Amino acid sequence: MIAPPLSKTDLNLLVVLDVLLRERSVGRAAAQLNLTSSAVSHALKRLRLLFDNELLVRDGRRMVPTARGQSLAETLPSLLAQVELTLAKPEPFDPAESTRSFRLAAPDFISSLLPHLLKVVEQEAPGVSVELVAVSPSAVLDMSQGKYDAIIAPSFKKKDDLRGATIGAWPWKVYGRKNHPAFTSWSAESWMRFPHLQVSASSPSGRSPVDRVAMELGVKRQIGAVVTQFSMAAPILARTDMLLSVPSVTMEESADVYGLEKRDVPVDLDPLELSLFRSATTGDRPEILWFHQRVEEAAKALISA
């Protein structure tokens, strides 16, 4: 048997046929479908042509299915139910009932965003957990494979397999201990006079944006120590005369805890812009969209804090 091309088939006819086979009456089928009896009769004529079979025949005042019609009566309900399921919108995500764990890949300096994020999540989804993992060069590929639900990273050129939105921009600041002598009369000269702490993770190329701009201006600073994580910086600054020049997002929380002071960087630097990325293929799921909205809310709270 050669089936008619699906592209040339009006699938609404199958809905009419399903009701006709159940009701076995043009009038009752018309009432259930909210159509006129004439419209249902016309649809039945088209169905007979489509299947090259009478499908339903009169037996006195009743209509009874042919063998082909009876076969369709058995298969159509499940077929139409599957079509409806295919076309249906995904089930909405219920954060209050979820026990899902979300994985967020981000630089370690974004840890200051976590308290704001966890507060929002705790209020709406007490059973949900959040895992922060270090962002890596393979993060985009890892997310496409389902290992991460979101990535926070400095804004970069758009990729086809990513969808992103800017979540904030943070100015560069200089941090030092309370009553640091450099802050008494703050200037580029006092900034250069004291040794600087550098976090190597802040610059994948090995050279800080501060150094690049300073070199262009003929300004040189002394690096007194290098650490690998931003979490190490605050206790060192609190107990030495070292200075740290970084985007404010990296130190705001720990600066308060350790009583650090801050000043504007004495060179002209563009703020650090961060974006939140999701997978173009899996990032449209309701739970992923919900999580991204909560990360964006946390970023706004961090900016206004």
Foldseek 3Di string as FASTA:
>chain_A
DDADDPVPDDCVLLVLLLLCQVVQDLCVSCVVVVHDSVVSVVSQVVVCVRVVHNQWDDDDPGIHGDPVVVVCNVPSVVVVVVVCVVPDDDDADQQQPDLEEAEEEEAQLLVVLVVQLVVVSCVRHVNYHYHYDHDDPCNLVCQVVPNHLKYKDFDDDDDPFKDKDWLDWFAKKKKAAPPQVCVVDPALVSLQPAAAEEAQVCDPVRDDPLQVQCVVVVHDHHHPYYHHGLVPPLVVRNPDNHMYIDGCSRPVVSCVVSVMDIDHDNTDDGTGIMMMMGTPVPCVDNVSVVSVVSSSVSSVVSVVD
